[in-house]
Structure formats: structure tokens, C-alpha cells
Amino acid sequence: MLSFLPPGLAPEFAMILLACSALTSLITAAFGAGGGVMLLALMAMWVPPAAIIPVHGMIQLGSNAGRMAMTWRHVDWRVIGAFLPGVVLGAIVGSLVLVRLPAWLWQVTIAAFILYLCWAPKLPALALGRGGIFAASALTSFISLFVGATGPLVAAFIRQIHSDRFVTVSTFATAMTLQHLPKAMVFGFAGFVFRDWLWFMVAMISCGFLGTWIGLKILGRLENRTFQRVFNLLLTVLALRLLWLAWVQWAG
């Protein structure tokens, strides 16, 4: 029926995921974060397990690159300059130990950091300098190869640095573009066949681009204070979800 679909993905579920790609990109563009994790959870329902993280990574790469292109004037390139070396280091180390680690352990760790960054006092200036940004980038880039859910943590960290909504969204999009880029090489070398998923990923990215365009229109109508409140609330919900998933896996 739909020749561009990869093996193992039914047409009706593919259509749902295409709509979800637009919706989750809208959420991230309008409110700063959350869409990537939502899309990951939805993909886990219908995409074969071995394809979830690499395919999600490529879709997020395209979605974030599109958001970065539409907001590039607001990017804090000082932060990105410190973030990039950490991405390279984290990806290299992660590729050397690409094994299946306990998901609940990463989920608890990520959730705890997100809640701290959202509600605890602001981090000291030293932690938000080049060294702190490098360390956060290396750690989240390493973890993203295994769990694919570090976006909210990166968003919460960048939010500690900036209060302007456009700078937060654009810098986060650029950081995540860099963080998802090495996944193509790492999973490609590991043997994942991206070719089978190419046209589906293109379709998902195209739908995400439309959602981003609408989301940025909404962002322009928000005040910074409203954006910050929604941003913290959204990340808190995502952190609580991670804690729930960790409990279910640990208890099971």
C-alpha cells in the first residue's frame, strides 16, 4: 500500500506516527522541550525494538535541524562552542561500550537531574561555564546512545543559562542537532540498516517541520514568564513519567 514503509510497520500505525511527528514538534517549538520523549514513547508502541533508538535519533536530528534553521539568529554560539566537544567525546566513549544497560538506572538518574534543574536553586556560575557545559554535553551524549531520552535534561540545563524563550528554544535545537548527528555513524557501524527506513524518516521529518513552523508561531505569542512556567511543568511531568517507568521495570 505504502511503498516507502519499512518492514514491520503497518500503514495505519505509520499514519498515526506521521501525525504525532507534527504534534510533538509543535510542542517542542512552542514550549521548549518534551516532544522528542513523547515521540519516542509513541514509536515504542509500533516500531520494532531494534529500530527505535536509531530511527528516532535520525528523526530528531532532522526535526531539531529544521528548528535550528528557523531560529538561528537566537542561538547562543558560546554555549554551542562548549557543547560540541562534549558531544564528540560522549559519542566516542558510548560507541566503544554500546551495550544494553539497565534502563531504570538511567531513567531515575535523568529524572532526578531534571527535577533538580527545574526546581532547585540555580546552579553556580562555574557549573554553567564552558567546563560545566562540556561535562553535561559529554554525559548526555553518552547516555543518549542507550536510552534516547536525554532531551529534557539538556533542555533543563540550557534553561539554567538563559531565560529568554527564543534563545532557549534555538540553542536547545542546535545542541540536540549536534547530539543526534553521531548516532547515524555509531549505529551505522554497529550494523543498523538505515536504508530500509529512509523514506519513512524523510516523511516524519517533513511532518515535524510543519509542526515546528506552527509551534514557533505560538512561541511568538507567549511571554517569557508564561513560557518558563509551562516549560518547568512539562519537564516535571516527563521526569515523573521516567520515575514511573523506572519503578515498573525495577519492580517487574
Protein backbone atom coordinates (compact mmCIF):
# COMPACT_ATOMS: atom_id res chain seq x y z
CA MET A 1 0.00 0.00 0.00
CA LEU A 2 2.65 2.49 1.08
CA SER A 3 5.88 1.51 -0.66
CA PHE A 4 8.08 3.80 1.45
CA LEU A 5 7.26 1.96 4.67
CA PRO A 6 9.94 -0.26 6.22
CA PRO A 7 9.29 -3.91 7.04
CA GLY A 8 7.38 -4.46 10.28
CA LEU A 9 5.50 -1.14 10.34
CA ALA A 10 1.80 -1.30 9.45
CA PRO A 11 0.38 1.54 7.27
CA GLU A 12 -2.23 2.62 9.85
CA PHE A 13 0.41 2.96 12.56
CA ALA A 14 2.70 4.81 10.18
CA MET A 15 -0.03 7.40 9.54
CA ILE A 16 -0.53 7.87 13.28
CA LEU A 17 3.22 8.38 13.77
CA LEU A 18 3.36 10.95 10.95
CA ALA A 19 0.63 12.98 12.67
CA CYS A 20 2.41 12.58 16.01
CA SER A 21 5.66 13.84 14.47
CA ALA A 22 3.93 17.13 13.58
CA LEU A 23 2.26 17.39 17.00
CA THR A 24 5.36 16.63 19.07
CA SER A 25 7.49 19.04 17.02
CA LEU A 26 4.86 21.71 17.65
CA ILE A 27 5.09 21.07 21.40
CA THR A 28 8.89 21.35 21.45
CA ALA A 29 8.93 24.51 19.34
CA ALA A 30 6.20 26.22 21.37
CA PHE A 31 7.16 25.14 24.88
CA GLY A 32 10.87 24.33 24.65
CA ALA A 33 11.02 20.57 25.19
CA GLY A 34 9.09 17.35 25.60
CA GLY A 35 8.17 16.45 22.04
CA GLY A 36 11.13 14.14 21.47
CA VAL A 37 10.39 11.99 24.52
CA MET A 38 6.69 11.85 23.63
CA LEU A 39 7.54 10.69 20.12
CA LEU A 40 9.95 8.08 21.49
CA ALA A 41 7.19 6.67 23.73
CA LEU A 42 4.76 6.52 20.79
CA MET A 43 7.31 4.89 18.48
CA ALA A 44 7.97 2.24 21.11
CA MET A 45 4.37 1.08 20.67
CA TRP A 46 4.69 0.18 16.96
CA VAL A 47 8.32 0.35 15.75
CA PRO A 48 10.46 -2.83 16.08
CA PRO A 49 12.64 -2.56 19.23
CA ALA A 50 15.97 -2.72 17.38
CA ALA A 51 14.98 0.29 15.25
CA ILE A 52 13.51 2.61 17.89
CA ILE A 53 16.58 4.49 19.11
CA PRO A 54 18.49 4.83 15.78
CA VAL A 55 15.36 5.79 13.77
CA HIS A 56 14.13 8.15 16.49
CA GLY A 57 17.59 9.72 16.59
CA MET A 58 17.56 10.45 12.86
CA ILE A 59 14.02 11.87 13.00
CA GLN A 60 15.01 14.10 15.90
CA LEU A 61 18.13 15.16 14.02
CA GLY A 62 16.00 16.41 11.14
CA SER A 63 13.39 17.98 13.40
CA ASN A 64 15.94 19.85 15.50
CA ALA A 65 17.92 20.92 12.44
CA GLY A 66 14.75 22.42 10.98
CA ARG A 67 14.01 24.29 14.21
CA MET A 68 17.61 25.49 14.37
CA ALA A 69 17.42 26.79 10.79
CA MET A 70 14.25 28.73 11.57
CA THR A 71 15.65 30.30 14.76
CA TRP A 72 19.40 30.52 14.06
CA ARG A 73 19.56 34.24 14.86
CA HIS A 74 18.81 33.46 18.52
CA VAL A 75 21.38 30.67 19.02
CA ASP A 76 23.93 31.22 21.80
CA TRP A 77 27.03 30.10 19.93
CA ARG A 78 29.18 30.41 23.06
CA VAL A 79 27.19 27.58 24.63
CA ILE A 80 27.30 25.53 21.43
CA GLY A 81 31.07 26.01 21.17
CA ALA A 82 31.46 24.36 24.58
CA PHE A 83 28.78 21.75 23.86
CA LEU A 84 30.27 20.35 20.64
CA PRO A 85 33.49 18.81 22.07
CA GLY A 86 31.41 17.03 24.72
CA VAL A 87 29.20 15.53 22.01
CA VAL A 88 32.25 14.11 20.25
CA LEU A 89 33.71 12.66 23.45
CA GLY A 90 30.41 11.18 24.64
CA ALA A 91 29.70 9.58 21.27
CA ILE A 92 33.19 8.05 21.03
CA VAL A 93 33.05 6.57 24.54
CA GLY A 94 29.48 5.39 24.01
CA SER A 95 30.34 3.67 20.73
CA LEU A 96 33.07 1.69 22.49
CA VAL A 97 30.67 0.33 25.11
CA LEU A 98 27.46 0.04 23.08
CA VAL A 99 25.81 -2.48 25.37
CA ARG A 100 22.39 -2.82 26.93
CA LEU A 101 22.45 -1.18 30.35
CA PRO A 102 19.58 -1.24 32.90
CA ALA A 103 17.05 1.28 31.59
CA TRP A 104 15.62 2.01 35.05
CA LEU A 105 19.01 3.24 36.29
CA TRP A 106 19.28 5.85 33.53
CA GLN A 107 15.63 6.81 33.91
CA VAL A 108 16.00 7.55 37.62
CA THR A 109 19.23 9.47 37.05
CA ILE A 110 17.80 11.61 34.25
CA ALA A 111 14.55 12.28 36.14
CA ALA A 112 16.41 13.33 39.30
CA PHE A 113 18.60 15.78 37.38
CA ILE A 114 15.61 17.23 35.51
CA LEU A 115 13.68 17.85 38.74
CA TYR A 116 16.74 19.43 40.34
CA LEU A 117 17.40 21.73 37.39
CA CYS A 118 13.74 22.80 37.25
CA TRP A 119 13.03 23.46 40.92
CA ALA A 120 16.27 23.72 42.90
CA PRO A 121 18.24 26.97 43.22
CA LYS A 122 20.13 27.96 40.09
CA LEU A 123 23.42 26.16 39.52
CA PRO A 124 26.59 28.08 40.42
CA ALA A 125 28.25 30.08 37.68
CA LEU A 126 31.12 27.59 37.48
CA ALA A 127 28.72 24.75 36.56
CA LEU A 128 27.21 26.89 33.80
CA GLY A 129 30.59 27.85 32.33
CA ARG A 130 32.44 26.14 29.50
CA GLY A 131 33.61 23.27 31.71
CA GLY A 132 30.13 22.56 33.03
CA ILE A 133 28.58 22.73 29.57
CA PHE A 134 31.25 20.35 28.23
CA ALA A 135 30.64 17.86 31.06
CA ALA A 136 26.85 17.99 30.61
CA SER A 137 27.22 17.53 26.86
CA ALA A 138 29.59 14.54 27.18
CA LEU A 139 27.39 12.79 29.76
CA THR A 140 24.09 13.29 27.91
CA SER A 141 25.63 12.37 24.55
CA PHE A 142 26.91 9.13 26.07
CA ILE A 143 23.54 8.28 27.65
CA SER A 144 21.55 9.16 24.51
CA LEU A 145 23.08 6.21 22.64
CA PHE A 146 21.41 3.84 25.11
CA VAL A 147 18.11 5.42 26.14
CA GLY A 148 17.42 8.16 23.58
CA ALA A 149 15.63 10.30 26.21
CA THR A 150 18.15 12.94 27.27
CA GLY A 151 16.47 15.88 25.51
CA PRO A 152 14.59 17.11 28.62
CA LEU A 153 17.82 17.01 30.63
CA VAL A 154 19.69 19.08 28.02
CA ALA A 155 16.73 21.48 27.83
CA ALA A 156 16.63 21.91 31.60
CA PHE A 157 20.37 22.60 31.68
CA ILE A 158 20.18 25.22 28.91
CA ARG A 159 17.21 26.78 30.68
CA GLN A 160 19.54 27.36 33.66
CA ILE A 161 21.71 29.51 31.39
CA HIS A 162 19.02 31.52 29.56
CA SER A 163 15.63 32.96 30.49
CA ASP A 164 14.69 34.23 27.02
CA ARG A 165 12.32 31.75 25.36
CA PHE A 166 13.69 32.14 21.82
CA VAL A 167 17.31 31.74 22.94
CA THR A 168 16.35 28.66 24.97
CA VAL A 169 14.47 27.01 22.08
CA SER A 170 17.07 27.83 19.40
CA THR A 171 20.12 26.88 21.49
CA PHE A 172 18.44 23.65 22.62
CA ALA A 173 17.59 22.78 18.99
CA THR A 174 21.20 23.35 17.93
CA ALA A 175 22.57 21.30 20.83
CA MET A 176 20.26 18.39 20.06
CA THR A 177 21.11 18.55 16.35
CA LEU A 178 24.74 18.04 17.28
CA GLN A 179 23.91 15.32 19.79
CA HIS A 180 21.83 13.26 17.37
CA LEU A 181 24.31 13.57 14.49
CA PRO A 182 26.83 10.95 15.72
CA LYS A 183 24.05 8.35 16.08
CA ALA A 184 23.99 7.82 12.32
CA MET A 185 27.65 6.84 12.34
CA VAL A 186 27.57 4.86 15.59
CA PHE A 187 24.52 2.75 14.70
CA GLY A 188 25.61 2.51 11.07
CA PHE A 189 28.93 0.98 12.11
CA ALA A 190 27.02 -1.26 14.53
CA GLY A 191 25.13 -2.72 11.56
CA PHE A 192 21.78 -0.94 11.58
CA VAL A 193 20.37 -0.62 8.02
CA PHE A 194 19.11 2.95 7.78
CA ARG A 195 18.29 2.47 4.09
CA ASP A 196 15.18 0.43 4.94
CA TRP A 197 13.81 3.35 6.98
CA LEU A 198 14.98 6.24 4.78
CA TRP A 199 11.70 7.37 3.20
CA PHE A 200 9.72 6.90 6.38
CA MET A 201 12.25 9.09 8.22
CA VAL A 202 12.02 11.73 5.47
CA ALA A 203 8.23 11.74 5.79
CA MET A 204 8.44 12.03 9.59
CA ILE A 205 10.92 14.92 9.36
CA SER A 206 8.71 16.72 6.83
CA CYS A 207 5.70 16.46 9.15
CA GLY A 208 7.89 17.63 12.01
CA PHE A 209 8.93 20.69 10.01
CA LEU A 210 5.27 21.68 9.65
CA GLY A 211 4.70 21.22 13.37
CA THR A 212 7.78 23.33 14.16
CA TRP A 213 6.53 26.18 11.97
CA ILE A 214 3.19 26.24 13.79
CA GLY A 215 4.88 25.87 17.19
CA LEU A 216 7.15 28.87 16.61
CA LYS A 217 4.08 30.96 15.78
CA ILE A 218 2.67 30.01 19.19
CA LEU A 219 6.01 30.72 20.88
CA GLY A 220 5.97 34.26 19.48
CA ARG A 221 2.68 34.91 21.30
CA LEU A 222 3.93 33.76 24.70
CA GLU A 223 5.63 35.88 27.35
CA ASN A 224 8.92 34.67 28.82
CA ARG A 225 7.32 34.13 32.23
CA THR A 226 4.49 32.02 30.80
CA PHE A 227 6.98 30.04 28.70
CA GLN A 228 9.13 29.33 31.78
CA ARG A 229 6.17 28.09 33.82
CA VAL A 230 4.90 25.79 31.08
CA PHE A 231 8.47 24.65 30.38
CA ASN A 232 9.10 23.63 34.01
CA LEU A 233 5.71 21.96 34.32
CA LEU A 234 6.20 19.98 31.10
CA LEU A 235 9.65 18.79 32.14
CA THR A 236 8.37 17.83 35.59
CA VAL A 237 5.65 15.65 34.04
CA LEU A 238 8.27 13.98 31.83
CA ALA A 239 10.54 13.39 34.83
CA LEU A 240 7.70 11.82 36.83
CA ARG A 241 6.92 9.60 33.86
CA LEU A 242 10.55 8.44 33.78
CA LEU A 243 10.39 7.63 37.52
CA TRP A 244 7.20 5.64 36.97
CA LEU A 245 8.77 3.67 34.11
CA ALA A 246 11.85 3.03 36.24
CA TRP A 247 9.67 1.71 39.08
CA VAL A 248 7.72 -0.59 36.77
CA GLN A 249 10.93 -2.04 35.27
CA TRP A 250 12.68 -2.38 38.61
CA ALA A 251 9.68 -3.94 40.36
CA GLY A 252 9.00 -6.27 37.43
